[in-house]
């Protein structure tokens, strides 16, 4: 499975056909983003050991917009993480016009700042 995820990124930059917008392609590319942007998320032990527990999950496709859900704590600003995820998805699935979170409150960094100051 990991080799298949890496091939998605390689195919894009090798000039192969780009992926079409579908739930399956978004899920596949999002899995690649979790791996390639590992420093942003809490999917690996190294990140979790320092308190990074951030997650990104696919919610739905709304026209040309992909909606994701953020959870946990991030080291980076949530808006920056959203932009990195959006760029990653849009590079591989050009039909995507926008990537948004299901609830604007998921971009609120206030709780993360409070948690970091309590370490």
N, C-alpha and C. Protein backbone atom coordinates (compact mmCIF):
# COMPACT_ATOMS: atom_id res chain seq x y z
N UNK A 1 0.82 -1.20 0.00
CA UNK A 1 0.00 0.00 0.00
C UNK A 1 0.86 1.25 0.00
N UNK A 2 1.96 1.24 0.78
CA UNK A 2 2.82 2.42 0.83
C UNK A 2 3.43 2.70 -0.53
N UNK A 3 3.81 1.64 -1.25
CA UNK A 3 4.38 1.83 -2.59
C UNK A 3 3.35 2.44 -3.53
N UNK A 4 2.09 2.03 -3.40
CA UNK A 4 1.03 2.59 -4.24
C UNK A 4 0.84 4.08 -3.94
N UNK A 5 0.95 4.46 -2.66
CA UNK A 5 0.79 5.86 -2.30
C UNK A 5 1.93 6.69 -2.86
N UNK A 6 3.16 6.16 -2.77
CA UNK A 6 4.29 6.90 -3.31
C UNK A 6 4.17 7.04 -4.81
N UNK A 7 3.60 6.04 -5.48
CA UNK A 7 3.49 6.11 -6.93
C UNK A 7 2.52 7.20 -7.36
N UNK A 8 1.56 7.55 -6.52
CA UNK A 8 0.64 8.63 -6.84
C UNK A 8 1.43 9.93 -7.01
N UNK A 9 2.31 10.23 -6.06
CA UNK A 9 3.12 11.44 -6.14
C UNK A 9 4.11 11.38 -7.27
N UNK A 10 4.75 10.24 -7.48
CA UNK A 10 5.73 10.08 -8.55
C UNK A 10 5.06 10.24 -9.91
N UNK A 11 3.88 9.64 -10.08
CA UNK A 11 3.19 9.72 -11.37
C UNK A 11 2.88 11.17 -11.73
N UNK A 12 2.48 11.94 -10.78
CA UNK A 12 2.12 13.34 -11.03
C UNK A 12 3.33 14.11 -11.56
N UNK A 13 4.48 13.91 -10.94
CA UNK A 13 5.65 14.68 -11.33
C UNK A 13 6.36 14.07 -12.52
N UNK A 14 6.02 12.83 -12.87
CA UNK A 14 6.63 12.21 -14.04
C UNK A 14 5.82 12.52 -15.29
N UNK A 15 4.75 13.30 -15.15
CA UNK A 15 3.94 13.70 -16.30
C UNK A 15 2.86 12.69 -16.66
N UNK A 16 2.63 11.70 -15.83
CA UNK A 16 1.59 10.71 -16.09
C UNK A 16 0.23 11.38 -15.88
N UNK A 17 -0.82 10.66 -16.24
CA UNK A 17 -2.17 11.22 -16.07
C UNK A 17 -2.42 11.57 -14.61
N UNK A 18 -3.10 12.69 -14.40
CA UNK A 18 -3.43 13.12 -13.07
C UNK A 18 -4.67 12.38 -12.61
N UNK A 19 -4.88 12.36 -11.32
CA UNK A 19 -6.04 11.68 -10.76
C UNK A 19 -7.29 12.53 -10.96
N UNK A 20 -8.42 11.86 -11.09
CA UNK A 20 -9.70 12.57 -11.18
C UNK A 20 -10.27 12.70 -9.77
N UNK A 21 -11.12 13.67 -9.59
CA UNK A 21 -11.72 13.94 -8.29
C UNK A 21 -12.77 12.88 -7.97
N UNK A 22 -12.49 12.08 -6.96
CA UNK A 22 -13.42 11.07 -6.46
C UNK A 22 -13.08 10.82 -5.00
N UNK A 23 -14.00 10.20 -4.28
CA UNK A 23 -13.72 9.90 -2.88
C UNK A 23 -12.50 9.00 -2.75
N UNK A 24 -12.39 8.00 -3.62
CA UNK A 24 -11.25 7.08 -3.55
C UNK A 24 -9.92 7.79 -3.79
N UNK A 25 -9.88 8.68 -4.81
CA UNK A 25 -8.62 9.36 -5.10
C UNK A 25 -8.26 10.33 -3.98
N UNK A 26 -9.24 11.01 -3.40
CA UNK A 26 -8.96 11.92 -2.29
C UNK A 26 -8.45 11.13 -1.09
N UNK A 27 -9.09 10.01 -0.77
CA UNK A 27 -8.63 9.18 0.36
C UNK A 27 -7.20 8.70 0.14
N UNK A 28 -6.90 8.27 -1.09
CA UNK A 28 -5.56 7.77 -1.41
C UNK A 28 -4.52 8.87 -1.29
N UNK A 29 -4.80 10.03 -1.86
CA UNK A 29 -3.85 11.14 -1.81
C UNK A 29 -3.73 11.68 -0.38
N UNK A 30 -4.81 11.72 0.36
CA UNK A 30 -4.76 12.18 1.74
C UNK A 30 -3.90 11.24 2.59
N UNK A 31 -3.97 9.95 2.32
CA UNK A 31 -3.10 9.00 3.02
C UNK A 31 -1.64 9.31 2.70
N UNK A 32 -1.35 9.66 1.46
CA UNK A 32 0.01 10.05 1.09
C UNK A 32 0.45 11.33 1.79
N UNK A 33 -0.48 12.27 1.95
CA UNK A 33 -0.17 13.52 2.66
C UNK A 33 0.19 13.24 4.11
N UNK A 34 -0.53 12.32 4.73
CA UNK A 34 -0.23 11.98 6.13
C UNK A 34 1.19 11.47 6.26
N UNK A 35 1.63 10.72 5.27
CA UNK A 35 2.99 10.16 5.28
C UNK A 35 4.03 11.22 4.90
N UNK A 36 3.80 11.91 3.80
CA UNK A 36 4.78 12.87 3.29
C UNK A 36 4.88 14.14 4.14
N UNK A 37 3.80 14.51 4.79
CA UNK A 37 3.78 15.69 5.66
C UNK A 37 3.74 15.27 7.12
N UNK A 38 4.41 14.19 7.43
CA UNK A 38 4.34 13.57 8.77
C UNK A 38 4.64 14.55 9.90
N UNK A 39 5.50 15.52 9.66
CA UNK A 39 5.84 16.48 10.72
C UNK A 39 4.64 17.33 11.15
N UNK A 40 3.62 17.39 10.30
CA UNK A 40 2.43 18.19 10.63
C UNK A 40 1.42 17.42 11.47
N UNK A 41 1.52 16.11 11.47
CA UNK A 41 0.47 15.27 12.07
C UNK A 41 1.01 14.38 13.17
N UNK A 42 0.10 13.75 13.89
CA UNK A 42 0.47 12.87 14.98
C UNK A 42 0.32 11.40 14.64
N UNK A 43 0.62 11.03 13.41
CA UNK A 43 0.47 9.64 13.00
C UNK A 43 1.71 8.79 13.27
N UNK A 44 2.84 9.42 13.59
CA UNK A 44 4.06 8.67 13.87
C UNK A 44 4.45 8.86 15.33
N UNK A 45 5.13 7.86 15.88
CA UNK A 45 5.50 7.88 17.30
C UNK A 45 6.31 9.11 17.66
N UNK A 46 7.25 9.50 16.81
CA UNK A 46 8.10 10.65 17.10
C UNK A 46 7.28 11.91 17.35
N UNK A 47 6.26 12.13 16.54
CA UNK A 47 5.40 13.31 16.71
C UNK A 47 4.58 13.20 18.00
N UNK A 48 4.01 12.03 18.24
CA UNK A 48 3.18 11.85 19.44
C UNK A 48 3.99 12.02 20.72
N UNK A 49 5.28 11.62 20.68
CA UNK A 49 6.12 11.77 21.88
C UNK A 49 6.30 13.23 22.29
N UNK A 50 6.21 14.15 21.33
CA UNK A 50 6.36 15.57 21.66
C UNK A 50 5.02 16.30 21.71
N UNK A 51 3.94 15.54 21.75
CA UNK A 51 2.62 16.12 21.94
C UNK A 51 1.88 16.51 20.69
N UNK A 52 2.40 16.16 19.52
CA UNK A 52 1.70 16.45 18.27
C UNK A 52 0.77 15.27 18.00
N UNK A 53 -0.53 15.54 18.08
CA UNK A 53 -1.52 14.47 17.90
C UNK A 53 -2.48 14.79 16.75
N UNK A 54 -2.14 15.79 15.94
CA UNK A 54 -3.03 16.27 14.89
C UNK A 54 -3.40 15.21 13.87
N UNK A 55 -4.66 15.25 13.45
CA UNK A 55 -5.16 14.34 12.44
C UNK A 55 -5.91 15.11 11.37
N UNK A 56 -5.96 14.54 10.18
CA UNK A 56 -6.76 15.10 9.10
C UNK A 56 -7.52 13.94 8.48
N UNK A 57 -8.83 14.10 8.33
CA UNK A 57 -9.68 13.06 7.79
C UNK A 57 -10.57 13.62 6.70
N UNK A 58 -10.84 12.81 5.71
CA UNK A 58 -11.74 13.17 4.63
C UNK A 58 -13.18 13.18 5.15
N UNK A 59 -13.96 14.20 4.78
CA UNK A 59 -15.36 14.29 5.17
C UNK A 59 -16.25 14.10 3.95
N UNK A 60 -16.06 14.96 2.93
CA UNK A 60 -16.92 14.88 1.75
C UNK A 60 -16.34 15.69 0.60
N UNK A 61 -16.93 15.47 -0.56
CA UNK A 61 -16.66 16.30 -1.73
C UNK A 61 -17.93 17.11 -1.96
N UNK A 62 -17.77 18.42 -2.06
CA UNK A 62 -18.90 19.32 -2.31
C UNK A 62 -18.59 20.09 -3.58
N UNK A 63 -19.02 19.55 -4.73
CA UNK A 63 -18.66 20.14 -6.01
C UNK A 63 -17.16 19.99 -6.20
N UNK A 64 -16.44 21.09 -6.48
CA UNK A 64 -14.99 21.00 -6.64
C UNK A 64 -14.22 21.25 -5.34
N UNK A 65 -14.94 21.22 -4.22
CA UNK A 65 -14.34 21.46 -2.91
C UNK A 65 -14.25 20.17 -2.12
N UNK A 66 -13.09 19.94 -1.53
CA UNK A 66 -12.90 18.80 -0.63
C UNK A 66 -12.99 19.32 0.80
N UNK A 67 -13.78 18.65 1.61
CA UNK A 67 -13.95 19.03 3.01
C UNK A 67 -13.24 18.00 3.87
N UNK A 68 -12.40 18.51 4.80
CA UNK A 68 -11.65 17.64 5.71
C UNK A 68 -11.98 18.01 7.14
N UNK A 69 -11.58 17.13 8.05
CA UNK A 69 -11.79 17.36 9.49
C UNK A 69 -10.43 17.33 10.16
N UNK A 70 -10.16 18.33 11.00
CA UNK A 70 -8.94 18.36 11.81
C UNK A 70 -9.28 17.93 13.23
N UNK A 71 -8.37 17.22 13.84
CA UNK A 71 -8.51 16.83 15.24
C UNK A 71 -7.15 16.85 15.91
N UNK A 72 -7.12 16.84 17.21
CA UNK A 72 -5.86 16.78 17.95
C UNK A 72 -5.11 18.09 17.98
N UNK A 73 -3.83 17.99 18.39
CA UNK A 73 -2.97 19.17 18.52
C UNK A 73 -1.95 19.21 17.39
N UNK A 74 -1.72 20.39 16.88
CA UNK A 74 -0.74 20.62 15.83
C UNK A 74 0.35 21.54 16.36
N UNK A 75 1.56 21.37 15.87
CA UNK A 75 2.64 22.29 16.22
C UNK A 75 2.51 23.55 15.39
N UNK A 76 2.21 23.38 14.10
CA UNK A 76 2.05 24.51 13.18
C UNK A 76 0.64 25.10 13.31
N UNK A 77 0.49 26.34 12.85
CA UNK A 77 -0.83 26.94 12.82
C UNK A 77 -1.75 26.06 11.96
N UNK A 78 -2.96 25.87 12.42
CA UNK A 78 -3.91 25.02 11.70
C UNK A 78 -4.18 25.54 10.30
N UNK A 79 -4.23 26.85 10.12
CA UNK A 79 -4.46 27.39 8.78
C UNK A 79 -3.29 27.05 7.85
N UNK A 80 -2.07 27.01 8.40
CA UNK A 80 -0.91 26.62 7.59
C UNK A 80 -0.98 25.14 7.22
N UNK A 81 -1.39 24.32 8.16
CA UNK A 81 -1.53 22.88 7.88
C UNK A 81 -2.59 22.67 6.81
N UNK A 82 -3.71 23.39 6.90
CA UNK A 82 -4.76 23.28 5.89
C UNK A 82 -4.21 23.67 4.52
N UNK A 83 -3.42 24.73 4.45
CA UNK A 83 -2.85 25.16 3.17
C UNK A 83 -1.91 24.11 2.60
N UNK A 84 -1.10 23.50 3.45
CA UNK A 84 -0.18 22.45 2.98
C UNK A 84 -0.95 21.24 2.47
N UNK A 85 -2.00 20.85 3.19
CA UNK A 85 -2.83 19.72 2.75
C UNK A 85 -3.52 20.08 1.43
N UNK A 86 -4.04 21.30 1.34
CA UNK A 86 -4.70 21.73 0.10
C UNK A 86 -3.73 21.69 -1.08
N UNK A 87 -2.54 22.23 -0.90
CA UNK A 87 -1.55 22.20 -1.98
C UNK A 87 -1.23 20.78 -2.39
N UNK A 88 -1.05 19.90 -1.41
CA UNK A 88 -0.73 18.50 -1.68
C UNK A 88 -1.84 17.85 -2.52
N UNK A 89 -3.08 18.05 -2.10
CA UNK A 89 -4.21 17.46 -2.82
C UNK A 89 -4.35 18.06 -4.23
N UNK A 90 -4.25 19.37 -4.33
CA UNK A 90 -4.46 20.04 -5.61
C UNK A 90 -3.37 19.73 -6.63
N UNK A 91 -2.15 19.49 -6.16
CA UNK A 91 -1.07 19.10 -7.08
C UNK A 91 -1.36 17.76 -7.73
N UNK A 92 -2.03 16.90 -7.02
CA UNK A 92 -2.26 15.54 -7.50
C UNK A 92 -3.64 15.34 -8.12
N UNK A 93 -4.60 16.19 -7.72
CA UNK A 93 -5.97 16.13 -8.25
C UNK A 93 -6.36 17.55 -8.67
N UNK A 94 -5.99 17.96 -9.87
CA UNK A 94 -6.19 19.35 -10.30
C UNK A 94 -7.65 19.82 -10.34
N UNK A 95 -8.61 18.91 -10.36
CA UNK A 95 -10.02 19.31 -10.35
C UNK A 95 -10.43 19.99 -9.05
N UNK A 96 -9.66 19.79 -7.99
CA UNK A 96 -10.00 20.38 -6.69
C UNK A 96 -9.74 21.88 -6.76
N UNK A 97 -10.79 22.65 -6.50
CA UNK A 97 -10.67 24.12 -6.48
C UNK A 97 -10.37 24.65 -5.09
N UNK A 98 -10.82 23.93 -4.07
CA UNK A 98 -10.64 24.41 -2.71
C UNK A 98 -10.66 23.24 -1.75
N UNK A 99 -9.98 23.41 -0.63
CA UNK A 99 -10.02 22.44 0.47
C UNK A 99 -10.39 23.23 1.71
N UNK A 100 -11.41 22.78 2.41
CA UNK A 100 -11.86 23.49 3.61
C UNK A 100 -12.09 22.49 4.73
N UNK A 101 -12.23 23.03 5.94
CA UNK A 101 -12.57 22.19 7.09
C UNK A 101 -14.08 22.21 7.27
N UNK A 102 -14.61 21.16 7.87
CA UNK A 102 -16.07 21.05 8.02
C UNK A 102 -16.63 22.08 8.98
N UNK A 103 -15.80 22.58 9.89
CA UNK A 103 -16.24 23.55 10.88
C UNK A 103 -15.10 24.54 11.10
N UNK A 104 -15.37 25.82 10.95
CA UNK A 104 -14.34 26.85 11.09
C UNK A 104 -13.63 26.79 12.44
N UNK A 105 -14.30 26.27 13.46
CA UNK A 105 -13.68 26.15 14.79
C UNK A 105 -12.47 25.23 14.76
N UNK A 106 -12.39 24.34 13.77
CA UNK A 106 -11.24 23.44 13.66
C UNK A 106 -9.96 24.18 13.27
N UNK A 107 -10.09 25.44 12.87
CA UNK A 107 -8.91 26.25 12.55
C UNK A 107 -8.49 27.13 13.73
N UNK A 108 -9.17 27.00 14.85
CA UNK A 108 -8.87 27.80 16.05
C UNK A 108 -7.65 27.20 16.75
N UNK A 109 -6.59 27.99 16.86
CA UNK A 109 -5.36 27.54 17.50
C UNK A 109 -5.32 27.85 19.00
N UNK A 110 -6.34 28.49 19.53
CA UNK A 110 -6.31 28.94 20.92
C UNK A 110 -6.10 27.80 21.91
N UNK A 111 -6.76 26.67 21.69
CA UNK A 111 -6.60 25.56 22.62
C UNK A 111 -5.21 24.97 22.54
N UNK A 112 -4.61 24.97 21.36
CA UNK A 112 -3.25 24.44 21.20
C UNK A 112 -2.24 25.32 21.92
N UNK A 113 -2.42 26.64 21.85
CA UNK A 113 -1.51 27.55 22.53
C UNK A 113 -1.58 27.33 24.03
N UNK A 114 -2.79 27.19 24.56
CA UNK A 114 -2.97 26.95 25.98
C UNK A 114 -2.29 25.64 26.40
N UNK A 115 -2.49 24.59 25.59
CA UNK A 115 -1.91 23.29 25.92
C UNK A 115 -0.38 23.36 25.88
N UNK A 116 0.20 24.07 24.91
CA UNK A 116 1.66 24.17 24.80
C UNK A 116 2.26 24.92 26.00
N UNK A 117 1.56 25.94 26.49
CA UNK A 117 2.09 26.70 27.62
C UNK A 117 2.01 25.90 28.90
N UNK A 118 1.21 24.84 28.93
CA UNK A 118 1.09 24.01 30.13
C UNK A 118 2.11 22.88 30.16
N UNK A 119 2.95 22.76 29.17
CA UNK A 119 3.94 21.65 29.14
C UNK A 119 4.99 21.84 30.17
